[in-house]
Amino acid sequence: MAKTDDMISEMVKDLRPLPKTALHRLLALALLPGLALSAALILLAHGFRPDLSSAVWQSAFWAKSAYPLLLSVVGMTALIKVARPGGRPLGAALPALIIYVLLIALGILQLSTSTTPTEQHRLIMGISYWFCPIIILAAGAPLMAATFWFLRRTAPTDARLAGFIAGMTAGSIGAWIYSWGCIENGLTFVALWYTLGILLCGLAGTLLGRHFLRW
């Protein structure tokens, strides 16, 4: 027994506790290049919306941009938790639901002020519903690589859950970047098609997590 204790003591003698902010710094280090690549992709392949200078004065534009940004904050908090052994970010579900319900409420309010069925249809479907989720999936790809890089250097114990959180976070940040190029102003459009794109990223992360986040 004494030999075993001596061996354990020898193995751990040089270990030092990590600072409390170590995971936060590692996540920031991972996300910065992913953010830059995603922004470059949107800028080069899509570009900013042509009426951006006037759109920034519209409350709908900021509500559209705030939705994925707030989800990104929730997602990054969840990532920090799931990165630890046994971490299950159960507390992330409620704020994400609240953010979505608020967007739905704003969307219904926006629809109620529309005067014609044609305008209401435009606020729901827009002209880009068929490719909006695909763009968000593409914009989230570099960020998903970044979140997986982060998780590979931590200790998640549930590969599928960690992959799902990584994908949802990447999709949310990608959707926020895309919001600066998207010409749609309908908040119900955002609730439907932005959310679909984010969920696609979450699904991709779940599938990839099974293979790339196992110990």
N, C-alpha and C. Protein backbone atom coordinates (compact mmCIF):
# COMPACT_ATOMS: atom_id res chain seq x y z
N MET A 1 0.82 -1.21 0.00
CA MET A 1 0.00 0.00 0.00
C MET A 1 0.86 1.26 0.00
N ALA A 2 1.96 1.19 0.78
CA ALA A 2 2.84 2.35 0.86
C ALA A 2 3.43 2.68 -0.51
N LYS A 3 3.80 1.63 -1.26
CA LYS A 3 4.35 1.87 -2.59
C LYS A 3 3.32 2.51 -3.51
N THR A 4 2.06 2.06 -3.40
CA THR A 4 0.99 2.64 -4.23
C THR A 4 0.79 4.11 -3.89
N ASP A 5 0.77 4.42 -2.59
CA ASP A 5 0.61 5.81 -2.17
C ASP A 5 1.77 6.67 -2.66
N ASP A 6 2.97 6.12 -2.60
CA ASP A 6 4.14 6.86 -3.06
C ASP A 6 4.06 7.13 -4.55
N MET A 7 3.58 6.12 -5.30
CA MET A 7 3.48 6.28 -6.75
C MET A 7 2.44 7.35 -7.11
N ILE A 8 1.31 7.34 -6.40
CA ILE A 8 0.28 8.35 -6.65
C ILE A 8 0.81 9.74 -6.32
N SER A 9 1.48 9.85 -5.19
CA SER A 9 2.05 11.14 -4.79
C SER A 9 3.05 11.66 -5.81
N GLU A 10 3.84 10.74 -6.38
CA GLU A 10 4.82 11.12 -7.39
C GLU A 10 4.15 11.62 -8.66
N MET A 11 3.01 10.98 -9.00
CA MET A 11 2.30 11.35 -10.23
C MET A 11 1.64 12.72 -10.13
N VAL A 12 1.18 13.09 -8.95
CA VAL A 12 0.40 14.32 -8.82
C VAL A 12 1.19 15.48 -8.22
N LYS A 13 2.45 15.27 -7.91
CA LYS A 13 3.18 16.31 -7.18
C LYS A 13 3.36 17.59 -7.98
N ASP A 14 3.37 17.47 -9.33
CA ASP A 14 3.58 18.67 -10.15
C ASP A 14 2.27 19.26 -10.67
N LEU A 15 1.14 18.69 -10.28
CA LEU A 15 -0.14 19.22 -10.74
C LEU A 15 -0.45 20.54 -10.04
N ARG A 16 -0.99 21.47 -10.78
CA ARG A 16 -1.37 22.77 -10.24
C ARG A 16 -2.82 23.05 -10.63
N PRO A 17 -3.61 23.61 -9.74
CA PRO A 17 -5.00 23.92 -10.09
C PRO A 17 -5.07 24.99 -11.17
N LEU A 18 -5.99 24.80 -12.11
CA LEU A 18 -6.17 25.78 -13.18
C LEU A 18 -6.95 26.98 -12.67
N PRO A 19 -6.70 28.17 -13.22
CA PRO A 19 -7.51 29.33 -12.85
C PRO A 19 -8.98 29.10 -13.22
N LYS A 20 -9.88 29.74 -12.51
CA LYS A 20 -11.31 29.57 -12.75
C LYS A 20 -11.71 30.01 -14.16
N THR A 21 -10.94 30.92 -14.74
CA THR A 21 -11.28 31.45 -16.06
C THR A 21 -10.58 30.71 -17.20
N ALA A 22 -9.92 29.60 -16.88
CA ALA A 22 -9.13 28.90 -17.91
C ALA A 22 -10.02 28.42 -19.06
N LEU A 23 -11.17 27.84 -18.76
CA LEU A 23 -12.07 27.37 -19.83
C LEU A 23 -12.61 28.53 -20.65
N HIS A 24 -12.90 29.64 -20.00
CA HIS A 24 -13.41 30.81 -20.72
C HIS A 24 -12.37 31.33 -21.71
N ARG A 25 -11.11 31.37 -21.26
CA ARG A 25 -10.05 31.84 -22.15
C ARG A 25 -9.85 30.87 -23.31
N LEU A 26 -9.92 29.58 -23.03
CA LEU A 26 -9.76 28.58 -24.09
C LEU A 26 -10.89 28.69 -25.10
N LEU A 27 -12.11 28.92 -24.63
CA LEU A 27 -13.24 29.07 -25.54
C LEU A 27 -13.09 30.31 -26.40
N ALA A 28 -12.66 31.41 -25.79
CA ALA A 28 -12.44 32.64 -26.56
C ALA A 28 -11.36 32.43 -27.62
N LEU A 29 -10.29 31.73 -27.23
CA LEU A 29 -9.21 31.43 -28.18
C LEU A 29 -9.72 30.61 -29.35
N ALA A 30 -10.64 29.69 -29.09
CA ALA A 30 -11.20 28.85 -30.15
C ALA A 30 -12.14 29.64 -31.05
N LEU A 31 -12.97 30.49 -30.45
CA LEU A 31 -14.03 31.14 -31.21
C LEU A 31 -13.53 32.29 -32.09
N LEU A 32 -12.49 32.95 -31.69
CA LEU A 32 -12.04 34.12 -32.45
C LEU A 32 -11.71 33.79 -33.91
N PRO A 33 -10.88 32.79 -34.19
CA PRO A 33 -10.64 32.46 -35.61
C PRO A 33 -11.88 31.93 -36.31
N GLY A 34 -12.72 31.17 -35.60
CA GLY A 34 -13.96 30.70 -36.20
C GLY A 34 -14.88 31.86 -36.56
N LEU A 35 -14.94 32.84 -35.69
CA LEU A 35 -15.75 34.03 -35.95
C LEU A 35 -15.23 34.78 -37.17
N ALA A 36 -13.91 34.91 -37.26
CA ALA A 36 -13.32 35.61 -38.40
C ALA A 36 -13.59 34.88 -39.71
N LEU A 37 -13.47 33.55 -39.71
CA LEU A 37 -13.72 32.77 -40.93
C LEU A 37 -15.19 32.83 -41.34
N SER A 38 -16.07 32.75 -40.36
CA SER A 38 -17.50 32.82 -40.66
C SER A 38 -17.87 34.18 -41.22
N ALA A 39 -17.34 35.25 -40.63
CA ALA A 39 -17.62 36.60 -41.12
C ALA A 39 -17.08 36.78 -42.53
N ALA A 40 -15.88 36.25 -42.79
CA ALA A 40 -15.30 36.36 -44.13
C ALA A 40 -16.15 35.61 -45.15
N LEU A 41 -16.66 34.45 -44.75
CA LEU A 41 -17.51 33.66 -45.64
C LEU A 41 -18.77 34.42 -46.02
N ILE A 42 -19.43 35.00 -45.03
CA ILE A 42 -20.66 35.76 -45.30
C ILE A 42 -20.34 37.00 -46.13
N LEU A 43 -19.26 37.68 -45.79
CA LEU A 43 -18.91 38.91 -46.50
C LEU A 43 -18.57 38.63 -47.96
N LEU A 44 -17.79 37.57 -48.22
CA LEU A 44 -17.35 37.30 -49.58
C LEU A 44 -18.42 36.61 -50.42
N ALA A 45 -19.16 35.69 -49.80
CA ALA A 45 -20.14 34.91 -50.57
C ALA A 45 -21.52 35.57 -50.63
N HIS A 46 -21.80 36.42 -49.66
CA HIS A 46 -23.13 37.02 -49.60
C HIS A 46 -23.09 38.54 -49.53
N GLY A 47 -22.25 39.07 -48.66
CA GLY A 47 -22.15 40.52 -48.49
C GLY A 47 -23.14 41.05 -47.47
N PHE A 48 -22.89 42.28 -47.03
CA PHE A 48 -23.85 42.94 -46.15
C PHE A 48 -25.11 43.29 -46.93
N ARG A 49 -26.22 43.47 -46.21
CA ARG A 49 -27.45 43.86 -46.88
C ARG A 49 -27.24 45.25 -47.49
N PRO A 50 -27.72 45.48 -48.69
CA PRO A 50 -27.43 46.74 -49.39
C PRO A 50 -28.00 47.97 -48.71
N ASP A 51 -29.05 47.80 -47.90
CA ASP A 51 -29.66 48.95 -47.22
C ASP A 51 -29.29 49.00 -45.75
N LEU A 52 -28.10 48.50 -45.41
CA LEU A 52 -27.71 48.40 -44.01
C LEU A 52 -27.72 49.75 -43.31
N SER A 53 -27.33 50.80 -44.01
CA SER A 53 -27.26 52.13 -43.38
C SER A 53 -28.62 52.62 -42.92
N SER A 54 -29.67 52.21 -43.62
CA SER A 54 -31.02 52.59 -43.18
C SER A 54 -31.64 51.52 -42.28
N ALA A 55 -31.23 50.26 -42.46
CA ALA A 55 -31.80 49.16 -41.65
C ALA A 55 -31.44 49.30 -40.18
N VAL A 56 -30.27 49.86 -39.88
CA VAL A 56 -29.85 49.96 -38.49
C VAL A 56 -30.73 50.92 -37.69
N TRP A 57 -31.58 51.67 -38.36
CA TRP A 57 -32.51 52.56 -37.66
C TRP A 57 -33.86 51.89 -37.42
N GLN A 58 -33.99 50.64 -37.82
CA GLN A 58 -35.26 49.93 -37.65
C GLN A 58 -35.17 48.98 -36.45
N SER A 59 -36.19 49.01 -35.61
CA SER A 59 -36.18 48.15 -34.42
C SER A 59 -36.22 46.68 -34.80
N ALA A 60 -36.88 46.33 -35.91
CA ALA A 60 -36.96 44.94 -36.34
C ALA A 60 -35.57 44.38 -36.65
N PHE A 61 -34.70 45.21 -37.21
CA PHE A 61 -33.34 44.76 -37.52
C PHE A 61 -32.61 44.36 -36.24
N TRP A 62 -32.73 45.18 -35.20
CA TRP A 62 -32.02 44.89 -33.97
C TRP A 62 -32.63 43.71 -33.22
N ALA A 63 -33.94 43.55 -33.33
CA ALA A 63 -34.58 42.38 -32.73
C ALA A 63 -34.12 41.11 -33.44
N LYS A 64 -34.03 41.18 -34.76
CA LYS A 64 -33.56 40.03 -35.55
C LYS A 64 -32.13 39.68 -35.17
N SER A 65 -31.29 40.66 -34.97
CA SER A 65 -29.89 40.42 -34.64
C SER A 65 -29.73 39.98 -33.18
N ALA A 66 -30.59 40.51 -32.30
CA ALA A 66 -30.47 40.19 -30.87
C ALA A 66 -30.82 38.74 -30.59
N TYR A 67 -31.77 38.18 -31.35
CA TYR A 67 -32.22 36.81 -31.09
C TYR A 67 -31.07 35.79 -31.14
N PRO A 68 -30.33 35.68 -32.25
CA PRO A 68 -29.23 34.70 -32.25
C PRO A 68 -28.08 35.10 -31.34
N LEU A 69 -27.90 36.41 -31.13
CA LEU A 69 -26.82 36.84 -30.23
C LEU A 69 -27.09 36.38 -28.80
N LEU A 70 -28.33 36.54 -28.34
CA LEU A 70 -28.68 36.10 -27.00
C LEU A 70 -28.59 34.58 -26.88
N LEU A 71 -29.01 33.87 -27.92
CA LEU A 71 -28.87 32.41 -27.91
C LEU A 71 -27.39 32.02 -27.86
N SER A 72 -26.53 32.81 -28.50
CA SER A 72 -25.09 32.53 -28.48
C SER A 72 -24.54 32.63 -27.06
N VAL A 73 -25.00 33.63 -26.32
CA VAL A 73 -24.54 33.81 -24.94
C VAL A 73 -24.96 32.61 -24.09
N VAL A 74 -26.22 32.19 -24.26
CA VAL A 74 -26.71 31.01 -23.54
C VAL A 74 -25.89 29.78 -23.94
N GLY A 75 -25.62 29.65 -25.24
CA GLY A 75 -24.87 28.50 -25.73
C GLY A 75 -23.45 28.46 -25.20
N MET A 76 -22.79 29.60 -25.14
CA MET A 76 -21.41 29.62 -24.64
C MET A 76 -21.36 29.27 -23.16
N THR A 77 -22.35 29.74 -22.41
CA THR A 77 -22.43 29.37 -21.00
C THR A 77 -22.63 27.86 -20.85
N ALA A 78 -23.50 27.30 -21.70
CA ALA A 78 -23.73 25.85 -21.68
C ALA A 78 -22.48 25.08 -22.08
N LEU A 79 -21.74 25.61 -23.04
CA LEU A 79 -20.50 24.95 -23.48
C LEU A 79 -19.50 24.83 -22.34
N ILE A 80 -19.36 25.88 -21.55
CA ILE A 80 -18.44 25.85 -20.42
C ILE A 80 -18.84 24.75 -19.44
N LYS A 81 -20.14 24.60 -19.24
CA LYS A 81 -20.61 23.59 -18.29
C LYS A 81 -20.44 22.18 -18.83
N VAL A 82 -20.81 21.96 -20.10
CA VAL A 82 -20.74 20.61 -20.65
C VAL A 82 -19.30 20.18 -20.89
N ALA A 83 -18.37 21.14 -20.90
CA ALA A 83 -16.96 20.81 -21.10
C ALA A 83 -16.36 20.10 -19.90
N ARG A 84 -17.02 20.20 -18.74
CA ARG A 84 -16.52 19.57 -17.53
C ARG A 84 -17.10 18.16 -17.39
N PRO A 85 -16.38 17.25 -16.79
CA PRO A 85 -16.90 15.88 -16.62
C PRO A 85 -18.24 15.87 -15.89
N GLY A 86 -19.21 15.21 -16.49
CA GLY A 86 -20.53 15.13 -15.87
C GLY A 86 -21.38 16.37 -16.05
N GLY A 87 -20.86 17.35 -16.73
CA GLY A 87 -21.59 18.62 -16.88
C GLY A 87 -22.83 18.46 -17.75
N ARG A 88 -23.97 18.90 -17.23
CA ARG A 88 -25.24 18.85 -17.97
C ARG A 88 -25.89 20.23 -17.84
N PRO A 89 -25.85 21.03 -18.88
CA PRO A 89 -26.34 22.42 -18.80
C PRO A 89 -27.87 22.51 -18.84
N LEU A 90 -28.52 21.92 -17.85
CA LEU A 90 -29.98 21.91 -17.82
C LEU A 90 -30.55 23.33 -17.68
N GLY A 91 -29.79 24.21 -17.04
CA GLY A 91 -30.27 25.57 -16.84
C GLY A 91 -30.32 26.40 -18.11
N ALA A 92 -29.76 25.88 -19.22
CA ALA A 92 -29.75 26.66 -20.46
C ALA A 92 -31.08 26.59 -21.19
N ALA A 93 -31.88 25.57 -20.91
CA ALA A 93 -33.13 25.38 -21.66
C ALA A 93 -34.12 26.51 -21.40
N LEU A 94 -34.28 26.92 -20.16
CA LEU A 94 -35.28 27.94 -19.83
C LEU A 94 -34.97 29.29 -20.46
N PRO A 95 -33.74 29.84 -20.30
CA PRO A 95 -33.47 31.12 -20.96
C PRO A 95 -33.59 31.05 -22.48
N ALA A 96 -33.20 29.93 -23.09
CA ALA A 96 -33.34 29.79 -24.54
C ALA A 96 -34.82 29.81 -24.93
N LEU A 97 -35.66 29.15 -24.14
CA LEU A 97 -37.10 29.14 -24.41
C LEU A 97 -37.69 30.53 -24.24
N ILE A 98 -37.27 31.24 -23.21
CA ILE A 98 -37.78 32.60 -22.97
C ILE A 98 -37.42 33.52 -24.13
N ILE A 99 -36.18 33.41 -24.60
CA ILE A 99 -35.74 34.23 -25.74
C ILE A 99 -36.60 33.93 -26.97
N TYR A 100 -36.87 32.65 -27.20
CA TYR A 100 -37.67 32.28 -28.37
C TYR A 100 -39.11 32.76 -28.23
N VAL A 101 -39.69 32.62 -27.06
CA VAL A 101 -41.08 33.07 -26.83
C VAL A 101 -41.18 34.58 -27.01
N LEU A 102 -40.19 35.32 -26.53
CA LEU A 102 -40.20 36.78 -26.72
C LEU A 102 -40.15 37.13 -28.20
N LEU A 103 -39.35 36.41 -28.96
CA LEU A 103 -39.29 36.67 -30.40
C LEU A 103 -40.64 36.37 -31.05
N ILE A 104 -41.27 35.27 -30.67
CA ILE A 104 -42.59 34.93 -31.21
C ILE A 104 -43.59 36.04 -30.89
N ALA A 105 -43.55 36.53 -29.65
CA ALA A 105 -44.48 37.60 -29.25
C ALA A 105 -44.25 38.86 -30.09
N LEU A 106 -43.00 39.22 -30.30
CA LEU A 106 -42.69 40.38 -31.13
C LEU A 106 -43.13 40.15 -32.57
N GLY A 107 -42.96 38.91 -33.04
CA GLY A 107 -43.38 38.58 -34.40
C GLY A 107 -44.89 38.70 -34.57
N ILE A 108 -45.65 38.22 -33.58
CA ILE A 108 -47.11 38.34 -33.64
C ILE A 108 -47.53 39.81 -33.60
N LEU A 109 -46.86 40.59 -32.76
CA LEU A 109 -47.15 42.01 -32.70
C LEU A 109 -46.87 42.68 -34.04
N GLN A 110 -45.77 42.32 -34.65
CA GLN A 110 -45.43 42.88 -35.97
C GLN A 110 -46.47 42.48 -37.01
N LEU A 111 -46.90 41.24 -36.98
CA LEU A 111 -47.93 40.79 -37.93
C LEU A 111 -49.25 41.52 -37.72
N SER A 112 -49.57 41.81 -36.46
CA SER A 112 -50.85 42.47 -36.17
C SER A 112 -50.91 43.89 -36.70
N THR A 113 -49.73 44.50 -36.91
CA THR A 113 -49.71 45.86 -37.45
C THR A 113 -49.62 45.89 -38.97
N SER A 114 -49.50 44.70 -39.58
CA SER A 114 -49.46 44.62 -41.05
C SER A 114 -50.88 44.76 -41.59
N THR A 115 -51.00 45.48 -42.67
CA THR A 115 -52.34 45.84 -43.18
C THR A 115 -52.87 44.89 -44.24
N THR A 116 -52.02 44.13 -44.89
CA THR A 116 -52.48 43.28 -45.99
C THR A 116 -51.96 41.86 -45.83
N PRO A 117 -52.70 40.87 -46.35
CA PRO A 117 -52.21 39.49 -46.32
C PRO A 117 -50.88 39.31 -47.04
N THR A 118 -50.67 40.10 -48.08
CA THR A 118 -49.40 40.01 -48.82
C THR A 118 -48.23 40.42 -47.94
N GLU A 119 -48.42 41.47 -47.18
CA GLU A 119 -47.36 41.93 -46.28
C GLU A 119 -47.13 40.93 -45.16
N GLN A 120 -48.19 40.34 -44.64
CA GLN A 120 -48.04 39.32 -43.60
C GLN A 120 -47.29 38.10 -44.13
N HIS A 121 -47.62 37.69 -45.34
CA HIS A 121 -46.92 36.55 -45.96
C HIS A 121 -45.44 36.86 -46.12
N ARG A 122 -45.12 38.09 -46.50
CA ARG A 122 -43.72 38.47 -46.68
C ARG A 122 -42.98 38.44 -45.34
N LEU A 123 -43.65 38.83 -44.26
CA LEU A 123 -43.01 38.82 -42.95
C LEU A 123 -42.76 37.41 -42.44
N ILE A 124 -43.52 36.44 -42.93
CA ILE A 124 -43.36 35.05 -42.50
C ILE A 124 -42.40 34.29 -43.41
N MET A 125 -42.57 34.43 -44.70
CA MET A 125 -41.81 33.63 -45.66
C MET A 125 -40.66 34.40 -46.30
N GLY A 126 -40.81 35.73 -46.41
CA GLY A 126 -39.77 36.52 -47.06
C GLY A 126 -39.56 36.06 -48.50
N ILE A 127 -38.35 36.30 -48.99
CA ILE A 127 -37.99 35.79 -50.32
C ILE A 127 -36.81 34.83 -50.24
N SER A 128 -36.34 34.56 -49.02
CA SER A 128 -35.11 33.75 -48.88
C SER A 128 -35.30 32.57 -47.94
N TYR A 129 -36.55 32.20 -47.65
CA TYR A 129 -36.79 31.13 -46.69
C TYR A 129 -36.15 29.81 -47.13
N TRP A 130 -36.04 29.60 -48.44
CA TRP A 130 -35.58 28.31 -48.93
C TRP A 130 -34.06 28.14 -48.84
N PHE A 131 -33.31 29.24 -48.71
CA PHE A 131 -31.86 29.07 -48.57
C PHE A 131 -31.32 29.67 -47.28
N CYS A 132 -32.14 30.40 -46.52
CA CYS A 132 -31.68 30.99 -45.27
C CYS A 132 -31.09 29.95 -44.31
N PRO A 133 -31.78 28.82 -44.02
CA PRO A 133 -31.19 27.84 -43.10
C PRO A 133 -29.87 27.25 -43.61
N ILE A 134 -29.74 27.12 -44.94
CA ILE A 134 -28.50 26.57 -45.50
C ILE A 134 -27.35 27.55 -45.30
N ILE A 135 -27.63 28.85 -45.46
CA ILE A 135 -26.58 29.84 -45.24
C ILE A 135 -26.13 29.83 -43.78
N ILE A 136 -27.10 29.73 -42.87
CA ILE A 136 -26.75 29.68 -41.45
C ILE A 136 -25.92 28.43 -41.14
N LEU A 137 -26.28 27.31 -41.74
CA LEU A 137 -25.50 26.09 -41.56
C LEU A 137 -24.07 26.28 -42.07
N ALA A 138 -23.93 26.93 -43.22
CA ALA A 138 -22.59 27.19 -43.77
C ALA A 138 -21.81 28.17 -42.90
N ALA A 139 -22.51 29.23 -42.44
CA ALA A 139 -21.84 30.22 -41.58
C ALA A 139 -21.43 29.62 -40.25
N GLY A 140 -22.18 28.62 -39.80
CA GLY A 140 -21.86 27.98 -38.53
C GLY A 140 -20.75 26.95 -38.62
N ALA A 141 -20.41 26.51 -39.84
CA ALA A 141 -19.41 25.45 -39.99
C ALA A 141 -18.04 25.80 -39.39
N PRO A 142 -17.46 26.97 -39.70
CA PRO A 142 -16.17 27.29 -39.08
C PRO A 142 -16.27 27.41 -37.56
N LEU A 143 -17.42 27.88 -37.09
CA LEU A 143 -17.60 28.02 -35.65
C LEU A 143 -17.81 26.67 -34.99
N MET A 144 -18.41 25.72 -35.71
CA MET A 144 -18.54 24.38 -35.17
C MET A 144 -17.17 23.72 -35.05
N ALA A 145 -16.33 23.95 -36.03
CA ALA A 145 -14.96 23.44 -35.92
C ALA A 145 -14.27 24.03 -34.69
N ALA A 146 -14.54 25.31 -34.43
CA ALA A 146 -13.94 25.98 -33.27
C ALA A 146 -14.46 25.40 -31.96
N THR A 147 -15.78 25.18 -31.86
CA THR A 147 -16.33 24.64 -30.61
C THR A 147 -15.89 23.20 -30.39
N PHE A 148 -15.75 22.44 -31.47
CA PHE A 148 -15.25 21.06 -31.33
C PHE A 148 -13.79 21.07 -30.91
N TRP A 149 -13.01 22.00 -31.43
CA TRP A 149 -11.60 22.12 -31.01
C TRP A 149 -11.54 22.39 -29.52
N PHE A 150 -12.42 23.26 -29.05
CA PHE A 150 -12.48 23.57 -27.62
C PHE A 150 -12.85 22.33 -26.80
N LEU A 151 -13.89 21.62 -27.22
CA LEU A 151 -14.34 20.46 -26.46
C LEU A 151 -13.33 19.32 -26.49
N ARG A 152 -12.58 19.20 -27.57
CA ARG A 152 -11.55 18.15 -27.65
C ARG A 152 -10.43 18.38 -26.64
N ARG A 153 -10.30 19.59 -26.15
CA ARG A 153 -9.27 19.92 -25.18
C ARG A 153 -9.82 20.02 -23.76
N THR A 154 -11.07 19.63 -23.60
CA THR A 154 -11.68 19.60 -22.27
C THR A 154 -12.12 18.17 -21.98
N ALA A 155 -13.12 18.00 -21.11
CA ALA A 155 -13.47 16.64 -20.70
C ALA A 155 -14.98 16.41 -20.66
N PRO A 156 -15.67 16.59 -21.80
CA PRO A 156 -17.11 16.27 -21.80
C PRO A 156 -17.32 14.76 -21.71
N THR A 157 -18.33 14.36 -20.95
CA THR A 157 -18.58 12.93 -20.77
C THR A 157 -19.77 12.44 -21.60
N ASP A 158 -20.55 13.35 -22.13
CA ASP A 158 -21.68 12.98 -23.00
C ASP A 158 -21.41 13.55 -24.38
N ALA A 159 -20.90 12.70 -25.28
CA ALA A 159 -20.44 13.18 -26.59
C ALA A 159 -21.58 13.77 -27.41
N ARG A 160 -22.74 13.15 -27.39
CA ARG A 160 -23.86 13.65 -28.19
C ARG A 160 -24.36 14.99 -27.66
N LEU A 161 -24.51 15.09 -26.35
CA LEU A 161 -24.98 16.34 -25.77
C LEU A 161 -23.98 17.46 -26.03
N ALA A 162 -22.70 17.15 -25.83
CA ALA A 162 -21.67 18.16 -26.08
C ALA A 162 -21.68 18.60 -27.54
N GLY A 163 -21.84 17.64 -28.46
CA GLY A 163 -21.91 17.98 -29.88
C GLY A 163 -23.12 18.82 -30.20
N PHE A 164 -24.26 18.51 -29.57
CA PHE A 164 -25.47 19.30 -29.79
C PHE A 164 -25.28 20.74 -29.32
N ILE A 165 -24.74 20.92 -28.12
CA ILE A 165 -24.51 22.27 -27.59
C ILE A 165 -23.51 23.02 -28.47
N ALA A 166 -22.46 22.32 -28.91
CA ALA A 166 -21.46 22.95 -29.78
C ALA A 166 -22.10 23.40 -31.09
N GLY A 167 -22.93 22.54 -31.68
CA GLY A 167 -23.58 22.89 -32.94
C GLY A 167 -24.57 24.03 -32.79
N MET A 168 -25.38 24.00 -31.73
CA MET A 168 -26.36 25.07 -31.50
C MET A 168 -25.67 26.41 -31.26
N THR A 169 -24.59 26.38 -30.51
CA THR A 169 -23.83 27.61 -30.26
C THR A 169 -23.23 28.14 -31.55
N ALA A 170 -22.62 27.26 -32.33
CA ALA A 170 -22.03 27.66 -33.60
C ALA A 170 -23.10 28.21 -34.54
N GLY A 171 -24.26 27.54 -34.59
CA GLY A 171 -25.34 28.02 -35.45
C GLY A 171 -25.87 29.37 -35.02
N SER A 172 -25.96 29.59 -33.71
CA SER A 172 -26.46 30.87 -33.21
C SER A 172 -25.51 32.01 -33.57
N ILE A 173 -24.20 31.76 -33.40
CA ILE A 173 -23.23 32.81 -33.75
C ILE A 173 -23.24 33.03 -35.26
N GLY A 174 -23.31 31.93 -36.03
CA GLY A 174 -23.38 32.05 -37.48
C GLY A 174 -24.61 32.82 -37.93
N ALA A 175 -25.75 32.57 -37.26
CA ALA A 175 -26.99 33.29 -37.59
C ALA A 175 -26.86 34.77 -37.26
N TRP A 176 -26.17 35.08 -36.17
CA TRP A 176 -25.97 36.49 -35.82
C TRP A 176 -25.12 37.19 -36.89
N ILE A 177 -24.08 36.52 -37.35
CA ILE A 177 -23.25 37.10 -38.41
C ILE A 177 -24.08 37.29 -39.67
N TYR A 178 -24.86 36.29 -40.02
CA TYR A 178 -25.69 36.37 -41.23
C TYR A 178 -26.75 37.46 -41.12
N SER A 179 -27.20 37.78 -39.92
CA SER A 179 -28.25 38.79 -39.75
C SER A 179 -27.83 40.14 -40.31
N TRP A 180 -26.54 40.38 -40.42
CA TRP A 180 -26.05 41.65 -40.96
C TRP A 180 -26.07 41.66 -42.49
N GLY A 181 -26.29 40.50 -43.09
CA GLY A 181 -26.40 40.43 -44.54
C GLY A 181 -27.81 40.12 -45.01
N CYS A 182 -28.62 39.56 -44.12
CA CYS A 182 -29.98 39.14 -44.47
C CYS A 182 -30.88 40.36 -44.67
N ILE A 183 -31.64 40.36 -45.74
CA ILE A 183 -32.50 41.52 -46.07
C ILE A 183 -33.89 41.40 -45.46
N GLU A 184 -34.20 40.29 -44.82
CA GLU A 184 -35.53 40.08 -44.27
C GLU A 184 -35.71 40.88 -42.98
N ASN A 185 -36.93 41.39 -42.78
CA ASN A 185 -37.24 42.14 -41.56
C ASN A 185 -38.34 41.49 -40.73
N GLY A 186 -38.88 40.36 -41.21
CA GLY A 186 -39.97 39.71 -40.50
C GLY A 186 -39.46 38.91 -39.30
N LEU A 187 -39.99 39.19 -38.12
CA LEU A 187 -39.54 38.49 -36.92
C LEU A 187 -40.10 37.07 -36.88
N THR A 188 -41.27 36.85 -37.49
CA THR A 188 -41.75 35.47 -37.61
C THR A 188 -40.88 34.68 -38.60
N PHE A 189 -40.37 35.37 -39.61
CA PHE A 189 -39.39 34.74 -40.52
C PHE A 189 -38.18 34.26 -39.72
N VAL A 190 -37.68 35.13 -38.85
CA VAL A 190 -36.52 34.77 -38.03
C VAL A 190 -36.84 33.59 -37.11
N ALA A 191 -38.03 33.64 -36.49
CA ALA A 191 -38.42 32.58 -35.57
C ALA A 191 -38.51 31.23 -36.27
N LEU A 192 -38.91 31.23 -37.53
CA LEU A 192 -39.03 29.98 -38.27
C LEU A 192 -37.72 29.56 -38.90
N TRP A 193 -37.17 30.40 -39.76
CA TRP A 193 -36.09 29.97 -40.65
C TRP A 193 -34.71 30.12 -40.04
N TYR A 194 -34.49 31.16 -39.22
CA TYR A 194 -33.23 31.24 -38.48
C TYR A 194 -33.14 30.06 -37.51
N THR A 195 -34.25 29.82 -36.81
CA THR A 195 -34.26 28.73 -35.83
C THR A 195 -34.01 27.39 -36.50
N LEU A 196 -34.58 27.19 -37.69
CA LEU A 196 -34.34 25.94 -38.42
C LEU A 196 -32.86 25.79 -38.74
N GLY A 197 -32.22 26.87 -39.19
CA GLY A 197 -30.79 26.80 -39.49
C GLY A 197 -29.96 26.48 -38.26
N ILE A 198 -30.32 27.07 -37.11
CA ILE A 198 -29.61 26.80 -35.86
C ILE A 198 -29.80 25.34 -35.44
N LEU A 199 -31.03 24.84 -35.58
CA LEU A 199 -31.31 23.45 -35.24
C LEU A 199 -30.56 22.48 -36.15
N LEU A 200 -30.43 22.83 -37.42
CA LEU A 200 -29.64 21.99 -38.34
C LEU A 200 -28.20 21.89 -37.86
N CYS A 201 -27.65 23.01 -37.39
CA CYS A 201 -26.29 22.99 -36.84
C CYS A 201 -26.24 22.11 -35.60
N GLY A 202 -27.29 22.18 -34.75
CA GLY A 202 -27.34 21.33 -33.56
C GLY A 202 -27.39 19.86 -33.92
N LEU A 203 -28.18 19.52 -34.95
CA LEU A 203 -28.26 18.13 -35.40
C LEU A 203 -26.92 17.66 -35.94
N ALA A 204 -26.27 18.50 -36.76
CA ALA A 204 -24.96 18.14 -37.29
C ALA A 204 -23.96 17.94 -36.16
N GLY A 205 -24.01 18.81 -35.15
CA GLY A 205 -23.11 18.68 -34.01
C GLY A 205 -23.35 17.40 -33.24
N THR A 206 -24.62 17.00 -33.09
CA THR A 206 -24.94 15.75 -32.40
C THR A 206 -24.35 14.55 -33.13
N LEU A 207 -24.53 14.53 -34.45
CA LEU A 207 -24.01 13.41 -35.24
C LEU A 207 -22.48 13.37 -35.21
N LEU A 208 -21.86 14.54 -35.33
CA LEU A 208 -20.40 14.59 -35.33
C LEU A 208 -19.83 14.30 -33.94
N GLY A 209 -20.56 14.72 -32.92
CA GLY A 209 -20.08 14.51 -31.56
C GLY A 209 -19.90 13.05 -31.22
N ARG A 210 -20.74 12.19 -31.79
CA ARG A 210 -20.64 10.75 -31.53
C ARG A 210 -19.27 10.21 -31.95
N HIS A 211 -18.67 10.83 -32.96
CA HIS A 211 -17.41 10.30 -33.52
C HIS A 211 -16.18 11.08 -33.04
N PHE A 212 -16.35 12.38 -32.81
CA PHE A 212 -15.17 13.22 -32.56
C PHE A 212 -15.02 13.67 -31.11
N LEU A 213 -16.00 13.40 -30.26
CA LEU A 213 -15.92 13.86 -28.88
C LEU A 213 -15.88 12.71 -27.89
N ARG A 214 -15.69 11.49 -28.41
CA ARG A 214 -15.54 10.35 -27.50
C ARG A 214 -14.16 10.38 -26.87
N TRP A 215 -14.09 9.87 -25.66
CA TRP A 215 -12.80 9.76 -25.00
C TRP A 215 -12.05 8.56 -25.54
